[in-house]
Amino acid sequence: MLRPKTIEFGHDFVIAGFIIPSQLRGVMLPDTLHQLPQAERFAYAKLLAFVTNIDDELSIDEMAVFEQRLGTALLSPSQRKEVRNFLKDPPSLGECLEGLGPVSGRLALRDATLMTAADGHVDPSERQVLDSIAMHVGLSNDVVDALLEWVLKGYDWMQDGLDLLNG
C-alpha cells in the first residue's frame, strides 16, 4: 500500500507540505476526516457547502467533489440533509469557520481548493475565500498557491491513468 511521503524533523513530520506536530500526526494521515469530532466534521461540510456557492455556479465536477467529501465526513443522515440545505441557503463564511479546529480547518482548505478548481478555473471570488480560510487556519497565501499546484498535478495524474487505460 502506498503511503504519503513523510519527512521527520525531530518529533514533527512534514506531510503534503504541512509540518504536523507529533501529537497530531496520527490524525493527519492521509485522510482522516472521519476520525475528527463530529462537530468539526459538520463545520467542515458546512464550509464546503458555502464554497459551492461562491461564484453562483455549481458545476457537475464541483458537485462530484462535494458529494465525495461529504461521504468521507461520515455525518448522520439528518446532518447530511442539513448540509445539503446549505447548498441552497449557505451560511456566512464566518459562521462556517467558527466550528473548525486546526486539523479540520486545514483539511477544509485542501478540499475547498480541490472543489474550486474542479471546474477548470478558480474565480477571483473563490480565490479570496481560499485565502480567507488559509488566514483563519494560520497559513499563508503561498500555501493556497501550493495547493492549487497540487490540484493541477492531481488532475494530470488522473489523466495519466485514463491515458494508460486508453492506450
Foldseek 3Di string as FASTA:
>chain_A
DDWFDWDDDPQWIAGLNDTHHNVCVVCVTPDNLCVDDLLQLLLLLLLLLVLCPQVPDRDPQLVVLSVVSNVSNPHDPVSVVVSVVCNVVHDDLVVSLVRHDLRSLVVSLLSSLLSCCRVPDHDPSSLVSSQVSCVSNPHHSVVSVSSNVVNVVVVVVVVVVVVVVVD
